[in-house]
N, C-alpha and C. Protein backbone atom coordinates (compact mmCIF):
# COMPACT_ATOMS: atom_id res chain seq x y z
N MET A 1 -97.07 250.01 162.09
CA MET A 1 -96.07 249.92 161.57
C MET A 1 -94.90 249.31 162.02
N VAL A 2 -93.53 249.32 160.89
CA VAL A 2 -92.22 248.96 162.05
C VAL A 2 -91.42 250.06 161.15
N ASN A 3 -90.71 250.49 161.52
CA ASN A 3 -89.50 251.66 161.57
C ASN A 3 -88.76 251.52 159.81
N GLN A 4 -88.25 252.46 159.66
CA GLN A 4 -87.14 252.10 158.54
C GLN A 4 -86.05 251.82 158.77
N PHE A 5 -85.99 251.12 158.14
CA PHE A 5 -84.43 250.36 158.41
C PHE A 5 -84.36 249.65 159.95
N ASN A 6 -85.34 248.94 160.53
CA ASN A 6 -85.13 248.29 161.71
C ASN A 6 -85.51 246.93 160.72
N THR A 7 -85.43 245.86 161.85
CA THR A 7 -85.82 244.68 161.62
C THR A 7 -86.96 244.01 160.95
N LEU A 8 -87.72 244.27 159.91
CA LEU A 8 -88.65 243.25 159.98
C LEU A 8 -89.24 241.62 160.69
N PRO A 9 -89.44 241.98 161.57
CA PRO A 9 -90.60 240.06 161.88
C PRO A 9 -91.22 239.37 161.21
N CYS A 10 -91.21 238.14 161.30
CA CYS A 10 -92.67 237.59 160.79
C CYS A 10 -93.73 238.33 161.09
N PRO A 11 -94.46 237.82 160.27
CA PRO A 11 -96.02 238.28 160.64
C PRO A 11 -96.98 237.46 160.94
N SER A 12 -97.71 238.10 162.09
CA SER A 12 -98.54 237.29 162.56
C SER A 12 -99.50 236.12 161.33
N ARG A 13 -99.71 235.19 161.77
CA ARG A 13 -100.81 234.30 160.94
C ARG A 13 -102.21 234.72 160.19
N TYR A 14 -102.06 236.50 160.20
CA TYR A 14 -103.28 236.72 159.16
C TYR A 14 -102.23 237.76 158.54
N ASN A 15 -101.72 238.07 158.44
CA ASN A 15 -100.89 239.27 157.96
C ASN A 15 -100.91 240.35 158.72
N GLU A 16 -99.56 241.03 157.64
CA GLU A 16 -99.42 242.50 158.45
C GLU A 16 -99.29 243.70 157.27
N ILE A 17 -99.38 244.64 157.30
CA ILE A 17 -99.02 245.40 156.48
C ILE A 17 -97.92 246.51 156.86
N TYR A 18 -96.68 246.33 155.39
CA TYR A 18 -96.14 247.42 155.67
C TYR A 18 -96.53 248.68 154.92
N ASP A 19 -95.62 249.89 155.74
CA ASP A 19 -95.31 251.03 154.36
C ASP A 19 -94.68 250.95 152.99
N SER A 20 -94.73 250.80 152.05
CA SER A 20 -94.27 249.97 151.06
C SER A 20 -93.39 251.39 150.40
N THR A 21 -93.98 252.83 151.28
CA THR A 21 -92.41 253.93 150.80
C THR A 21 -90.97 254.00 151.52
N LYS A 22 -90.60 253.30 152.30
CA LYS A 22 -89.56 252.59 153.01
C LYS A 22 -88.72 251.82 152.49
N LYS A 23 -88.09 251.51 152.79
CA LYS A 23 -86.42 250.32 151.92
C LYS A 23 -86.19 249.58 154.00
N PHE A 24 -85.98 248.09 153.94
CA PHE A 24 -86.25 247.24 154.71
C PHE A 24 -84.95 246.97 154.98
N ARG A 25 -83.97 247.26 155.34
CA ARG A 25 -82.44 246.27 155.29
C ARG A 25 -82.27 245.40 155.84
N ASN A 26 -83.17 244.87 156.70
CA ASN A 26 -83.37 243.46 157.62
C ASN A 26 -84.61 242.73 157.43
N LEU A 27 -84.40 241.30 156.88
CA LEU A 27 -85.77 241.08 157.29
C LEU A 27 -85.09 240.18 157.97
N ASP A 28 -86.10 239.64 158.86
CA ASP A 28 -85.90 238.50 159.44
C ASP A 28 -85.27 237.34 159.48
N PRO A 29 -84.82 236.41 159.20
CA PRO A 29 -83.81 234.87 158.46
C PRO A 29 -84.63 234.73 157.89
N LYS A 30 -86.75 234.39 158.57
CA LYS A 30 -87.31 233.34 158.31
C LYS A 30 -88.42 233.71 156.40
N LEU A 31 -88.20 234.78 156.98
CA LEU A 31 -89.52 236.10 155.92
C LEU A 31 -88.49 235.25 154.50
N ILE A 32 -89.44 235.34 153.93
CA ILE A 32 -89.18 234.81 151.99
C ILE A 32 -90.09 235.50 150.92
N PHE A 33 -88.99 236.34 150.99
CA PHE A 33 -88.80 237.93 150.31
C PHE A 33 -89.65 237.58 148.39
N THR A 34 -90.76 237.98 148.29
CA THR A 34 -91.68 238.16 147.12
C THR A 34 -92.06 238.48 145.98
N PHE A 35 -91.25 238.26 144.87
CA PHE A 35 -91.51 239.27 144.01
C PHE A 35 -92.15 238.94 142.36
N GLY A 36 -92.03 239.57 141.89
CA GLY A 36 -92.63 239.52 140.53
C GLY A 36 -91.65 239.67 139.54
N SER A 37 -91.39 238.17 138.86
CA SER A 37 -90.47 237.76 137.82
C SER A 37 -90.93 237.77 136.80
N ASN A 38 -89.84 237.40 136.12
CA ASN A 38 -90.37 236.90 134.28
C ASN A 38 -89.95 235.73 134.16
N LEU A 39 -90.67 234.99 133.40
CA LEU A 39 -90.98 233.25 132.60
C LEU A 39 -88.98 232.68 132.76
N ALA A 40 -87.99 234.05 132.52
CA ALA A 40 -87.27 233.44 131.68
C ALA A 40 -86.08 233.34 133.13
N GLY A 41 -86.50 234.21 133.70
CA GLY A 41 -85.64 234.20 135.09
C GLY A 41 -84.72 235.14 135.34
N ARG A 42 -84.94 236.47 133.91
CA ARG A 42 -83.51 237.38 134.74
C ARG A 42 -84.25 238.72 135.61
N HIS A 43 -83.62 237.84 136.08
CA HIS A 43 -83.51 239.50 137.27
C HIS A 43 -82.82 240.57 137.02
N GLY A 44 -83.30 241.15 136.64
CA GLY A 44 -82.03 242.10 135.90
C GLY A 44 -82.61 243.69 137.44
N LYS A 45 -84.01 244.12 137.14
CA LYS A 45 -84.38 245.17 137.60
C LYS A 45 -85.38 244.46 139.14
N GLY A 46 -85.26 245.90 139.07
CA GLY A 46 -86.47 246.28 140.45
C GLY A 46 -86.38 244.93 141.29
N ALA A 47 -87.07 244.72 142.09
CA ALA A 47 -87.50 243.83 143.49
C ALA A 47 -86.15 242.39 143.39
N ALA A 48 -86.95 241.48 141.67
CA ALA A 48 -86.34 240.71 141.38
C ALA A 48 -84.57 240.99 141.49
N GLN A 49 -84.03 241.82 141.38
CA GLN A 49 -82.51 241.76 140.87
C GLN A 49 -82.15 241.93 142.93
N THR A 50 -83.47 242.40 143.44
CA THR A 50 -82.67 242.78 144.46
C THR A 50 -83.06 240.98 145.57
N ALA A 51 -83.76 240.74 145.13
CA ALA A 51 -84.33 238.59 144.81
C ALA A 51 -82.43 237.86 144.62
N LEU A 52 -82.93 238.54 143.76
CA LEU A 52 -80.56 237.88 143.05
C LEU A 52 -80.22 237.81 143.92
N PHE A 53 -79.87 239.06 144.62
CA PHE A 53 -78.26 239.99 144.94
C PHE A 53 -78.90 239.55 146.91
N HIS A 54 -80.52 239.13 147.46
CA HIS A 54 -80.34 239.21 148.81
C HIS A 54 -80.72 238.44 149.29
N TYR A 55 -81.58 237.14 148.27
CA TYR A 55 -82.54 236.15 148.81
C TYR A 55 -82.36 235.28 148.49
N GLY A 56 -81.20 234.43 147.52
CA GLY A 56 -81.31 233.43 147.08
C GLY A 56 -81.51 233.35 145.70
N ALA A 57 -82.51 234.23 145.25
CA ALA A 57 -82.86 233.54 143.66
C ALA A 57 -81.85 232.86 142.82
N LYS A 58 -82.41 232.21 142.12
CA LYS A 58 -81.25 231.67 141.18
C LYS A 58 -81.78 232.25 139.58
N TYR A 59 -80.95 233.05 139.07
CA TYR A 59 -80.76 232.79 137.75
C TYR A 59 -81.26 232.10 136.94
N GLY A 60 -82.36 232.49 135.78
CA GLY A 60 -82.76 231.64 135.09
C GLY A 60 -84.11 230.94 135.59
N VAL A 61 -84.62 230.88 136.24
CA VAL A 61 -85.45 230.50 137.24
C VAL A 61 -86.31 231.33 137.73
N GLY A 62 -87.19 231.63 137.11
CA GLY A 62 -88.92 232.78 137.61
C GLY A 62 -90.31 232.36 137.95
N ILE A 63 -89.98 231.05 138.50
CA ILE A 63 -91.52 230.84 139.03
C ILE A 63 -91.02 229.66 140.40
N GLY A 64 -91.98 229.77 141.73
CA GLY A 64 -91.33 229.54 142.95
C GLY A 64 -90.74 229.25 143.82
N LEU A 65 -90.24 228.40 144.52
CA LEU A 65 -89.56 229.58 145.99
C LEU A 65 -88.43 228.76 145.27
N VAL A 66 -87.20 229.28 145.84
CA VAL A 66 -85.85 229.35 145.82
C VAL A 66 -85.28 229.78 146.67
N ARG A 67 -84.40 228.95 147.32
CA ARG A 67 -83.72 229.53 149.61
C ARG A 67 -84.94 230.71 149.86
N ARG A 68 -84.80 231.48 150.25
CA ARG A 68 -85.50 232.69 150.71
C ARG A 68 -86.23 233.89 149.39
N SER A 69 -86.76 233.26 148.82
CA SER A 69 -86.95 233.84 147.83
C SER A 69 -88.31 233.14 146.80
N TYR A 70 -88.88 233.94 146.65
CA TYR A 70 -90.64 233.90 146.11
C TYR A 70 -90.89 234.41 144.63
N ALA A 71 -90.71 233.65 143.27
CA ALA A 71 -90.62 234.43 142.44
C ALA A 71 -92.58 234.24 141.79
N ILE A 72 -92.62 234.96 141.56
CA ILE A 72 -94.54 235.21 140.79
C ILE A 72 -93.86 235.13 139.95
N PRO A 73 -94.08 234.51 138.32
CA PRO A 73 -93.82 235.48 137.02
C PRO A 73 -95.00 236.94 136.95
N THR A 74 -95.01 237.82 136.03
CA THR A 74 -95.76 238.95 135.75
C THR A 74 -95.39 238.82 134.45
N LYS A 75 -94.14 238.32 134.09
CA LYS A 75 -93.90 238.57 132.63
C LYS A 75 -93.67 237.33 131.71
N ASP A 76 -93.31 237.46 130.25
CA ASP A 76 -93.19 235.75 130.06
C ASP A 76 -91.30 235.73 129.46
N GLU A 77 -91.48 235.22 129.44
CA GLU A 77 -89.80 234.90 128.16
C GLU A 77 -89.17 236.09 128.03
N ASN A 78 -90.12 236.49 126.91
CA ASN A 78 -89.36 237.34 126.39
C ASN A 78 -89.88 238.96 127.26
N LEU A 79 -89.95 238.58 127.83
CA LEU A 79 -90.40 240.35 129.09
C LEU A 79 -91.07 241.02 128.57
N ASN A 80 -92.89 240.80 128.00
CA ASN A 80 -93.33 241.07 127.70
C ASN A 80 -94.38 240.80 129.44
N VAL A 81 -95.16 241.90 129.02
CA VAL A 81 -96.61 241.66 130.35
C VAL A 81 -97.38 240.33 130.18
N LEU A 82 -97.52 239.79 130.95
CA LEU A 82 -98.67 238.73 130.93
C LEU A 82 -100.33 239.42 130.99
N LYS A 83 -101.19 238.56 130.59
CA LYS A 83 -102.55 238.61 131.29
C LYS A 83 -102.69 238.12 132.41
N ILE A 84 -103.54 239.27 133.00
CA ILE A 84 -104.03 238.57 134.30
C ILE A 84 -104.40 237.87 134.87
N GLU A 85 -104.77 237.16 133.82
CA GLU A 85 -105.59 235.65 134.13
C GLU A 85 -104.13 234.56 134.57
N VAL A 86 -103.22 235.28 133.20
CA VAL A 86 -101.96 234.48 133.91
C VAL A 86 -101.41 233.67 134.52
N ILE A 87 -101.38 235.41 135.13
CA ILE A 87 -100.83 236.02 136.66
C ILE A 87 -101.22 234.98 137.55
N LYS A 88 -102.68 235.33 137.48
CA LYS A 88 -103.63 234.82 138.86
C LYS A 88 -103.37 233.67 138.59
N LYS A 89 -102.85 232.82 138.22
CA LYS A 89 -102.79 230.90 138.55
C LYS A 89 -101.55 230.99 139.41
N TYR A 90 -100.59 232.00 138.69
CA TYR A 90 -99.03 232.37 139.48
C TYR A 90 -99.17 232.59 140.77
N VAL A 91 -100.24 233.84 141.23
CA VAL A 91 -100.86 233.88 142.23
C VAL A 91 -102.00 232.60 143.17
N ASP A 92 -102.45 232.35 141.99
CA ASP A 92 -102.84 230.93 142.88
C ASP A 92 -101.94 230.40 144.07
N ASP A 93 -100.80 229.39 143.46
CA ASP A 93 -100.01 228.70 143.43
C ASP A 93 -99.72 229.22 144.48
N PHE A 94 -99.26 230.32 144.86
CA PHE A 94 -98.07 231.20 145.59
C PHE A 94 -99.65 231.66 147.09
N VAL A 95 -100.77 231.27 146.98
CA VAL A 95 -101.45 231.73 147.91
C VAL A 95 -101.64 230.41 149.21
N LYS A 96 -101.81 229.16 148.10
CA LYS A 96 -101.50 227.65 148.43
C LYS A 96 -99.95 227.71 149.55
N GLU A 97 -98.41 228.02 148.86
CA GLU A 97 -97.96 228.02 149.88
C GLU A 97 -97.68 228.71 150.57
N SER A 98 -98.30 230.01 150.67
CA SER A 98 -97.76 231.08 151.96
C SER A 98 -99.60 229.86 153.40
N GLN A 99 -99.94 228.90 153.24
CA GLN A 99 -100.84 228.27 153.64
C GLN A 99 -100.40 227.29 154.59
N LYS A 100 -99.04 227.38 154.11
CA LYS A 100 -97.75 225.42 154.82
C LYS A 100 -97.35 226.77 156.26
N GLU A 101 -97.40 226.16 157.11
CA GLU A 101 -96.75 226.63 158.60
C GLU A 101 -96.06 226.36 158.71
N GLU A 102 -95.67 227.78 159.99
CA GLU A 102 -94.21 227.88 159.55
C GLU A 102 -92.64 228.31 158.41
N GLN A 103 -93.77 228.96 157.24
CA GLN A 103 -93.19 229.46 156.23
C GLN A 103 -93.82 231.30 156.90
N TYR A 104 -93.34 232.34 155.96
CA TYR A 104 -93.62 233.77 156.00
C TYR A 104 -93.06 234.66 155.21
N PHE A 105 -93.94 235.37 154.46
CA PHE A 105 -93.12 235.99 153.24
C PHE A 105 -93.27 237.43 153.92
N PHE A 106 -92.86 238.16 152.81
CA PHE A 106 -92.72 239.54 153.06
C PHE A 106 -92.97 240.04 151.85
N VAL A 107 -94.26 240.25 150.61
CA VAL A 107 -94.27 240.40 149.83
C VAL A 107 -94.52 241.24 148.83
N THR A 108 -93.65 242.26 147.83
CA THR A 108 -93.59 243.09 147.16
C THR A 108 -94.79 243.20 146.56
N ALA A 109 -94.57 244.80 145.60
CA ALA A 109 -96.29 245.32 145.24
C ALA A 109 -96.00 243.94 143.54
N VAL A 110 -96.10 243.09 144.08
CA VAL A 110 -95.98 242.42 142.23
C VAL A 110 -96.83 242.66 141.48
N GLY A 111 -96.43 242.85 140.02
CA GLY A 111 -97.04 243.19 139.22
C GLY A 111 -97.29 245.10 139.25
N CYS A 112 -96.86 245.18 140.05
CA CYS A 112 -96.89 246.78 140.11
C CYS A 112 -95.72 247.75 140.06
N GLY A 113 -95.11 246.97 139.30
CA GLY A 113 -93.70 247.68 139.11
C GLY A 113 -93.28 248.10 137.45
N LEU A 114 -92.60 247.03 137.17
CA LEU A 114 -92.00 246.54 135.56
C LEU A 114 -93.57 246.42 135.03
N ALA A 115 -94.55 244.94 135.16
CA ALA A 115 -95.33 245.17 134.82
C ALA A 115 -96.90 245.78 134.41
N GLY A 116 -96.79 246.78 135.67
CA GLY A 116 -97.04 248.17 135.39
C GLY A 116 -98.85 247.71 135.91
N TYR A 117 -99.13 246.94 136.11
CA TYR A 117 -100.55 247.17 136.83
C TYR A 117 -100.79 248.03 137.67
N PRO A 118 -101.83 248.04 138.23
CA PRO A 118 -102.78 248.73 139.39
C PRO A 118 -102.71 248.01 140.47
N PRO A 119 -102.36 248.10 141.68
CA PRO A 119 -102.78 247.26 143.05
C PRO A 119 -103.95 247.04 143.06
N ASN A 120 -105.22 247.98 142.17
CA ASN A 120 -106.67 247.76 142.32
C ASN A 120 -106.79 246.38 141.31
N GLU A 121 -105.89 246.12 140.41
CA GLU A 121 -106.33 244.99 139.67
C GLU A 121 -105.15 243.46 140.57
N ILE A 122 -104.18 244.45 140.74
CA ILE A 122 -103.40 242.41 141.04
C ILE A 122 -103.56 242.25 142.71
N ALA A 123 -103.54 242.50 143.69
CA ALA A 123 -104.10 243.13 145.33
C ALA A 123 -105.39 241.67 144.95
N PRO A 124 -105.62 242.31 144.85
CA PRO A 124 -107.45 241.08 144.70
C PRO A 124 -106.99 239.62 144.34
N LEU A 125 -106.27 239.33 144.06
CA LEU A 125 -105.62 238.23 143.29
C LEU A 125 -104.84 237.09 145.15
N PHE A 126 -104.62 238.52 145.74
CA PHE A 126 -103.48 237.56 147.08
C PHE A 126 -104.44 237.32 148.44
N HIS A 127 -105.86 237.42 147.98
CA HIS A 127 -106.74 237.02 148.42
C HIS A 127 -106.94 235.24 149.57
N GLY A 128 -106.29 235.99 150.85
CA GLY A 128 -106.44 233.64 151.18
C GLY A 128 -105.22 233.82 151.80
N VAL A 129 -104.12 234.50 151.33
CA VAL A 129 -102.89 234.67 152.05
C VAL A 129 -102.92 234.79 153.27
N ARG A 130 -101.79 233.93 153.79
CA ARG A 130 -101.38 233.75 155.13
C ARG A 130 -100.36 234.01 155.55
N ASN A 131 -99.85 234.55 156.31
CA ASN A 131 -98.40 234.47 157.11
C ASN A 131 -98.00 236.09 156.43
N CYS A 132 -97.70 236.73 156.52
CA CYS A 132 -97.55 238.02 154.56
C CYS A 132 -97.24 238.75 155.78
N TRP A 133 -96.18 239.91 155.09
CA TRP A 133 -96.39 240.87 154.86
C TRP A 133 -96.50 241.51 153.04
N LEU A 134 -97.76 242.35 153.30
CA LEU A 134 -98.21 242.60 152.78
C LEU A 134 -98.30 244.41 152.35
N PRO A 135 -97.39 244.90 151.10
CA PRO A 135 -97.23 246.17 151.33
C PRO A 135 -99.24 247.45 150.92
N ASP A 136 -98.84 247.89 151.29
CA ASP A 136 -99.44 248.73 152.19
C ASP A 136 -100.58 249.11 151.03
N CYS A 137 -100.01 249.20 149.90
CA CYS A 137 -100.48 249.72 148.02
C CYS A 137 -102.28 248.91 148.67
N PHE A 138 -102.22 247.80 148.74
CA PHE A 138 -102.75 246.01 148.88
C PHE A 138 -103.61 246.65 149.28
N LEU A 139 -104.05 247.10 150.64
CA LEU A 139 -104.40 247.06 151.42
C LEU A 139 -106.03 246.95 151.70
N PRO A 140 -106.61 247.60 150.36
CA PRO A 140 -108.12 248.02 150.43
C PRO A 140 -108.44 246.86 149.81
N TYR A 141 -107.29 246.19 148.76
CA TYR A 141 -107.72 245.39 147.71
C TYR A 141 -107.96 243.65 148.19
N VAL A 142 -106.91 243.44 149.62
CA VAL A 142 -106.60 242.34 150.46
C VAL A 142 -107.10 241.93 151.41
N LEU A 143 -107.97 242.83 152.59
CA LEU A 143 -107.50 242.68 154.13
C LEU A 143 -109.29 242.62 154.35
């Protein structure tokens, strides 16, 4: 585990775990901040707001890679929570993206905050990711 407020470096090829109770002030400039979003791209709260203010997320864009952020929709355009089967499609796209060489991701507890899913339902969707820092609440279900 990395100490609070240290710079979080790029992970190894086969993922690493971070302590989700700590806030990291600095992420390695190569890390892409990955967060749960809504299809309207209204990044007003939680990790989505952090992505907007600090990692280049673009208001109005709720899916995919934008600058140093990657949005995974967990809510629809009206901010209703998406069904797990729908979220899985977006996570599958992210898993493919994570397979690319020289891309590294800091994955927040996508879907476990404002969308309200427990880690045991969301984390297994991330099976197969590479080059990621994953939250410790995903540990029993992903690695």
